[in-house]
C-alpha atoms as a PDB file:
ATOM      1  CA  MET A   1       0.019  -0.109  -0.031  1.00  0.00           C
ATOM      2  CA  ARG A   2       1.284   3.331  -1.014  1.00  0.00           C
ATOM      3  CA  LEU A   3       0.130   6.587   0.860  1.00  0.00           C
ATOM      4  CA  LEU A   4       0.350  10.241   0.174  1.00  0.00           C
ATOM      5  CA  GLU A   5       2.108  11.793   3.064  1.00  0.00           C
ATOM      6  CA  LEU A   6       0.985  15.399   4.103  1.00  0.00           C
ATOM      7  CA  ASN A   7       2.713  18.414   5.501  1.00  0.00           C
ATOM      8  CA  ASN A   8       1.233  20.877   7.697  1.00  0.00           C
ATOM      9  CA  HIS A   9      -0.396  22.562   4.980  1.00  0.00           C
ATOM     10  CA  GLY A  10      -2.216  19.658   3.531  1.00  0.00           C
ATOM     11  CA  GLU A  11       0.165  19.473   0.712  1.00  0.00           C
ATOM     12  CA  ALA A  12       0.935  15.621  -0.341  1.00  0.00           C
ATOM     13  CA  SER A  13       3.774  13.478  -1.749  1.00  0.00           C
ATOM     14  CA  LEU A  14       3.836   9.966  -2.289  1.00  0.00           C
ATOM     15  CA  THR A  15       5.584   7.553   0.227  1.00  0.00           C
ATOM     16  CA  ASN A  16       7.690   4.378  -0.480  1.00  0.00           C
ATOM     17  CA  HIS A  17       5.505   1.116  -0.852  1.00  0.00           C
ATOM     18  CA  LEU A  18       4.388   0.327   2.850  1.00  0.00           C
ATOM     19  CA  ALA A  19       3.864  -3.420   3.254  1.00  0.00           C
ATOM     20  CA  SER A  20       3.477  -3.390   7.104  1.00  0.00           C
ATOM     21  CA  ASP A  21       3.129  -0.985  10.048  1.00  0.00           C
ATOM     22  CA  VAL A  22       1.061   1.121   7.994  1.00  0.00           C
ATOM     23  CA  PRO A  23       0.142   4.322  10.027  1.00  0.00           C
ATOM     24  CA  PRO A  24      -3.330   5.614  10.335  1.00  0.00           C
ATOM     25  CA  TYR A  25      -4.719   7.290   7.174  1.00  0.00           C
ATOM     26  CA  ALA A  26      -7.847   8.569   5.646  1.00  0.00           C
ATOM     27  CA  ILE A  27      -9.279   7.182   2.505  1.00  0.00           C
ATOM     28  CA  LEU A  28     -11.088   9.146  -0.322  1.00  0.00           C
ATOM     29  CA  SER A  29     -14.179   7.634  -1.631  1.00  0.00           C
ATOM     30  CA  HIS A  30     -15.205   9.801  -5.032  1.00  0.00           C
ATOM     31  CA  THR A  31     -16.342   9.616  -8.443  1.00  0.00           C
ATOM     32  CA  TRP A  32     -13.818   9.831 -11.486  1.00  0.00           C
ATOM     33  CA  GLY A  33     -13.836  12.691 -13.915  1.00  0.00           C
ATOM     34  CA  GLU A  34     -12.486  12.715 -17.341  1.00  0.00           C
ATOM     35  CA  ASP A  35      -9.217  10.652 -17.718  1.00  0.00           C
ATOM     36  CA  ASP A  36      -7.172  13.521 -18.652  1.00  0.00           C
ATOM     37  CA  GLU A  37      -8.251  15.387 -15.585  1.00  0.00           C
ATOM     38  CA  GLU A  38      -7.958  12.865 -12.927  1.00  0.00           C
ATOM     39  CA  VAL A  39      -4.146  13.175 -11.338  1.00  0.00           C
ATOM     40  CA  THR A  40      -2.485   9.814 -11.499  1.00  0.00           C
ATOM     41  CA  PHE A  41       0.671   8.010  -9.853  1.00  0.00           C
ATOM     42  CA  GLN A  42       2.611   9.199 -12.737  1.00  0.00           C
ATOM     43  CA  ASP A  43       1.639  12.932 -12.493  1.00  0.00           C
ATOM     44  CA  LEU A  44       2.708  12.741  -8.828  1.00  0.00           C
ATOM     45  CA  THR A  45       6.018  10.983  -9.503  1.00  0.00           C
ATOM     46  CA  GLN A  46       6.822  13.683 -12.409  1.00  0.00           C
ATOM     47  CA  GLY A  47       5.794  16.633 -10.061  1.00  0.00           C
ATOM     48  CA  VAL A  48       2.961  17.404 -12.456  1.00  0.00           C
ATOM     49  CA  GLY A  49      -0.974  17.289 -12.327  1.00  0.00           C
ATOM     50  CA  LYS A  50      -1.884  20.269  -9.868  1.00  0.00           C
ATOM     51  CA  SER A  51      -3.368  21.960 -12.793  1.00  0.00           C
ATOM     52  CA  LYS A  52      -5.894  19.144 -13.154  1.00  0.00           C
ATOM     53  CA  ALA A  53      -9.363  19.330 -11.959  1.00  0.00           C
ATOM     54  CA  GLY A  54      -8.928  16.048 -10.192  1.00  0.00           C
ATOM     55  CA  TYR A  55      -6.220  17.818  -7.755  1.00  0.00           C
ATOM     56  CA  GLY A  56      -9.120  19.767  -6.179  1.00  0.00           C
ATOM     57  CA  LYS A  57     -10.189  16.421  -4.609  1.00  0.00           C
ATOM     58  CA  ILE A  58      -6.438  15.451  -3.350  1.00  0.00           C
ATOM     59  CA  ARG A  59      -6.004  19.089  -1.801  1.00  0.00           C
ATOM     60  CA  PHE A  60      -9.662  18.608  -0.052  1.00  0.00           C
ATOM     61  CA  CYS A  61      -8.751  15.348   1.389  1.00  0.00           C
ATOM     62  CA  GLY A  62      -5.391  16.338   2.709  1.00  0.00           C
ATOM     63  CA  LYS A  63      -6.768  19.407   4.240  1.00  0.00           C
ATOM     64  CA  GLN A  64      -9.641  17.581   5.709  1.00  0.00           C
ATOM     65  CA  ALA A  65      -6.979  14.713   7.129  1.00  0.00           C
ATOM     66  CA  VAL A  66      -4.818  17.426   8.577  1.00  0.00           C
ATOM     67  CA  ARG A  67      -8.089  18.869  10.301  1.00  0.00           C
ATOM     68  CA  ASP A  68      -8.468  15.378  11.632  1.00  0.00           C
ATOM     69  CA  GLY A  69      -5.194  14.861  12.909  1.00  0.00           C
ATOM     70  CA  LEU A  70      -4.154  12.317  10.203  1.00  0.00           C
ATOM     71  CA  GLN A  71      -0.782  12.597   8.250  1.00  0.00           C
ATOM     72  CA  TYR A  72      -1.547  10.156   5.450  1.00  0.00           C
ATOM     73  CA  VAL A  73      -4.386   9.444   2.754  1.00  0.00           C
ATOM     74  CA  TRP A  74      -5.035   7.246   0.160  1.00  0.00           C
ATOM     75  CA  ILE A  75      -6.656   8.011  -3.055  1.00  0.00           C
ATOM     76  CA  ASP A  76      -7.099   5.358  -6.067  1.00  0.00           C
ATOM     77  CA  THR A  77      -6.444   7.420  -8.749  1.00  0.00           C
ATOM     78  CA  CYS A  78      -2.764   8.471  -7.607  1.00  0.00           C
ATOM     79  CA  CYS A  79      -1.853   5.919  -5.061  1.00  0.00           C
ATOM     80  CA  ILE A  80      -1.813   2.924  -7.518  1.00  0.00           C
ATOM     81  CA  ASP A  81       0.706   2.759 -10.271  1.00  0.00           C
ATOM     82  CA  LYS A  82      -1.637   1.432 -12.741  1.00  0.00           C
ATOM     83  CA  SER A  83       0.968   1.064 -15.333  1.00  0.00           C
ATOM     84  CA  SER A  84       2.042  -2.234 -13.085  1.00  0.00           C
ATOM     85  CA  SER A  85      -0.537  -4.963 -13.822  1.00  0.00           C
ATOM     86  CA  SER A  86       0.724  -6.749 -10.638  1.00  0.00           C
ATOM     87  CA  GLU A  87       0.425  -3.571  -8.277  1.00  0.00           C
ATOM     88  CA  LEU A  88      -3.100  -2.961  -9.887  1.00  0.00           C
ATOM     89  CA  ALA A  89      -4.290  -6.550  -9.395  1.00  0.00           C
ATOM     90  CA  GLU A  90      -2.881  -6.279  -5.728  1.00  0.00           C
ATOM     91  CA  ALA A  91      -4.812  -3.055  -5.071  1.00  0.00           C
ATOM     92  CA  LEU A  92      -7.966  -4.271  -6.297  1.00  0.00           C
ATOM     93  CA  ASN A  93      -8.044  -7.481  -4.353  1.00  0.00           C
ATOM     94  CA  SER A  94      -6.731  -5.430  -1.267  1.00  0.00           C
ATOM     95  CA  MET A  95      -9.422  -2.513  -1.463  1.00  0.00           C
ATOM     96  CA  PHE A  96     -11.936  -3.743   0.774  1.00  0.00           C
ATOM     97  CA  ARG A  97      -9.181  -4.162   3.793  1.00  0.00           C
ATOM     98  CA  TRP A  98      -7.852  -0.743   2.961  1.00  0.00           C
ATOM     99  CA  TYR A  99     -11.211   0.911   3.425  1.00  0.00           C
ATOM    100  CA  CYS A 100     -11.680  -1.359   6.509  1.00  0.00           C
ATOM    101  CA  ASP A 101      -8.669  -0.282   7.876  1.00  0.00           C
ATOM    102  CA  ALA A 102      -8.854   3.434   7.219  1.00  0.00           C
ATOM    103  CA  ALA A 103      -9.201   5.820  10.094  1.00  0.00           C
ATOM    104  CA  GLN A 104     -11.639   7.881   8.222  1.00  0.00           C
ATOM    105  CA  CYS A 105     -13.417   7.805   4.847  1.00  0.00           C
ATOM    106  CA  TYR A 106     -14.302  10.945   3.201  1.00  0.00           C
ATOM    107  CA  VAL A 107     -17.113  10.783   0.322  1.00  0.00           C
ATOM    108  CA  TYR A 108     -16.624  13.493  -1.936  1.00  0.00           C
ATOM    109  CA  LEU A 109     -19.916  14.247  -3.718  1.00  0.00           C
ATOM    110  CA  SER A 110     -18.652  16.510  -6.658  1.00  0.00           C
ATOM    111  CA  ASP A 111     -22.099  16.811  -7.923  1.00  0.00           C
ATOM    112  CA  VAL A 112     -23.544  18.030  -4.590  1.00  0.00           C
ATOM    113  CA  PRO A 113     -23.692  21.628  -3.778  1.00  0.00           C
ATOM    114  CA  CYS A 114     -23.466  23.046  -0.276  1.00  0.00           C
ATOM    115  CA  ASP A 115     -26.402  25.149  -0.698  1.00  0.00           C
ATOM    116  CA  SER A 116     -30.307  24.447   0.171  1.00  0.00           C
ATOM    117  CA  ARG A 117     -30.464  21.950  -2.679  1.00  0.00           C
ATOM    118  CA  TRP A 118     -28.019  19.584  -1.186  1.00  0.00           C
ATOM    119  CA  LYS A 119     -30.530  17.102  -0.028  1.00  0.00           C
ATOM    120  CA  SER A 120     -31.941  16.612  -3.331  1.00  0.00           C
ATOM    121  CA  ALA A 121     -28.746  16.503  -4.902  1.00  0.00           C
ATOM    122  CA  PHE A 122     -27.459  13.977  -2.603  1.00  0.00           C
ATOM    123  CA  TRP A 123     -30.425  11.707  -3.752  1.00  0.00           C
ATOM    124  CA  LYS A 124     -29.233  12.026  -7.341  1.00  0.00           C
ATOM    125  CA  SER A 125     -25.446  12.002  -6.739  1.00  0.00           C
ATOM    126  CA  ARG A 126     -23.609   9.798  -9.364  1.00  0.00           C
ATOM    127  CA  TRP A 127     -21.600   8.259  -6.417  1.00  0.00           C
ATOM    128  CA  PHE A 128     -24.574   6.015  -5.450  1.00  0.00           C
ATOM    129  CA  THR A 129     -24.777   4.670  -9.065  1.00  0.00           C
ATOM    130  CA  ARG A 130     -21.061   3.001  -8.703  1.00  0.00           C
ATOM    131  CA  GLY A 131     -20.270  -0.646  -8.296  1.00  0.00           C
ATOM    132  CA  TRP A 132     -17.522   0.493  -6.015  1.00  0.00           C
ATOM    133  CA  THR A 133     -19.860   2.191  -3.496  1.00  0.00           C
ATOM    134  CA  LEU A 134     -20.978  -0.869  -1.596  1.00  0.00           C
ATOM    135  CA  GLN A 135     -17.574  -1.678  -0.279  1.00  0.00           C
ATOM    136  CA  GLU A 136     -16.611   2.024   0.233  1.00  0.00           C
ATOM    137  CA  LEU A 137     -19.791   2.576   2.036  1.00  0.00           C
ATOM    138  CA  LEU A 138     -19.868  -0.634   4.253  1.00  0.00           C
ATOM    139  CA  ALA A 139     -16.451  -1.197   4.966  1.00  0.00           C
ATOM    140  CA  PRO A 140     -15.087   1.836   7.001  1.00  0.00           C
ATOM    141  CA  ARG A 141     -16.144   2.543  10.536  1.00  0.00           C
ATOM    142  CA  SER A 142     -16.214   6.234  10.019  1.00  0.00           C
ATOM    143  CA  VAL A 143     -17.789   7.734   6.591  1.00  0.00           C
ATOM    144  CA  GLN A 144     -18.295  11.417   6.324  1.00  0.00           C
ATOM    145  CA  PHE A 145     -20.138  12.981   3.261  1.00  0.00           C
ATOM    146  CA  PHE A 146     -18.764  16.093   1.566  1.00  0.00           C
ATOM    147  CA  SER A 147     -20.129  18.474  -0.885  1.00  0.00           C
ATOM    148  CA  GLY A 148     -18.357  19.431  -4.163  1.00  0.00           C
ATOM    149  CA  GLU A 149     -17.360  22.399  -1.962  1.00  0.00           C
ATOM    150  CA  GLY A 150     -15.737  20.408   0.641  1.00  0.00           C
ATOM    151  CA  LYS A 151     -18.502  21.103   3.189  1.00  0.00           C
ATOM    152  CA  LEU A 152     -19.435  18.301   5.666  1.00  0.00           C
ATOM    153  CA  LEU A 153     -22.987  17.388   4.963  1.00  0.00           C
ATOM    154  CA  GLY A 154     -23.138  14.386   7.430  1.00  0.00           C
ATOM    155  CA  ASP A 155     -22.025  10.867   8.194  1.00  0.00           C
ATOM    156  CA  LYS A 156     -23.292   7.536   7.663  1.00  0.00           C
ATOM    157  CA  ASP A 157     -25.145   7.829  11.220  1.00  0.00           C
ATOM    158  CA  SER A 158     -26.582  10.974  10.621  1.00  0.00           C
ATOM    159  CA  LEU A 159     -27.480  10.392   7.078  1.00  0.00           C
ATOM    160  CA  GLY A 160     -28.258   6.760   7.567  1.00  0.00           C
ATOM    161  CA  GLN A 161     -32.056   7.162   6.724  1.00  0.00           C
ATOM    162  CA  GLU A 162     -31.295   8.850   3.527  1.00  0.00           C
ATOM    163  CA  VAL A 163     -28.495   6.155   2.567  1.00  0.00           C
ATOM    164  CA  ARG A 164     -30.759   3.744   3.462  1.00  0.00           C
ATOM    165  CA  GLU A 165     -33.414   4.838   1.399  1.00  0.00           C
ATOM    166  CA  ILE A 166     -31.236   5.476  -1.739  1.00  0.00           C
ATOM    167  CA  THR A 167     -29.206   2.190  -1.676  1.00  0.00           C
ATOM    168  CA  GLY A 168     -31.773  -0.225  -0.056  1.00  0.00           C
ATOM    169  CA  ILE A 169     -29.134  -1.395   2.481  1.00  0.00           C
ATOM    170  CA  PRO A 170     -30.488  -1.914   6.063  1.00  0.00           C
ATOM    171  CA  ILE A 171     -29.538   0.775   8.503  1.00  0.00           C
ATOM    172  CA  GLU A 172     -27.763  -2.028  10.734  1.00  0.00           C
ATOM    173  CA  ALA A 173     -25.703  -2.921   7.812  1.00  0.00           C
ATOM    174  CA  LEU A 174     -24.370   0.692   7.728  1.00  0.00           C
END
């Protein structure tokens, strides 16, 4: 597992591959944008990507993790070297455990505004249509939902009834 390490300002840099003794970390659950707008592992290793739209999610996740007292984050788009088929296979097979072991899971809902319309947008969010959502919702102990502007909307306890109605997953499973 490779993590992003944060400095005090929430700026991130890749760590070496950590096999054991993984420190507490936050994990980001999100929907991907256009391929050329997501920040990849290669972008980070080459020191580019800050101008891509997807970098806003990295910045959000880093700042929120720092607020929560965490120094490390994991984001699928940039922590996995997808050019390595063995690393990609390992990541896909390990992802449920990584979500389970995360200290915090931040669900970044890019299509949900933080204004008075957020509840109706929450119900229609693209995040709830993804196949990976189930493990990203159920595995972590702590799941917090954030608007596209990075404002906290609630967690899986406070929004449990809405999440149950949207997904059909019993509250007890959440």
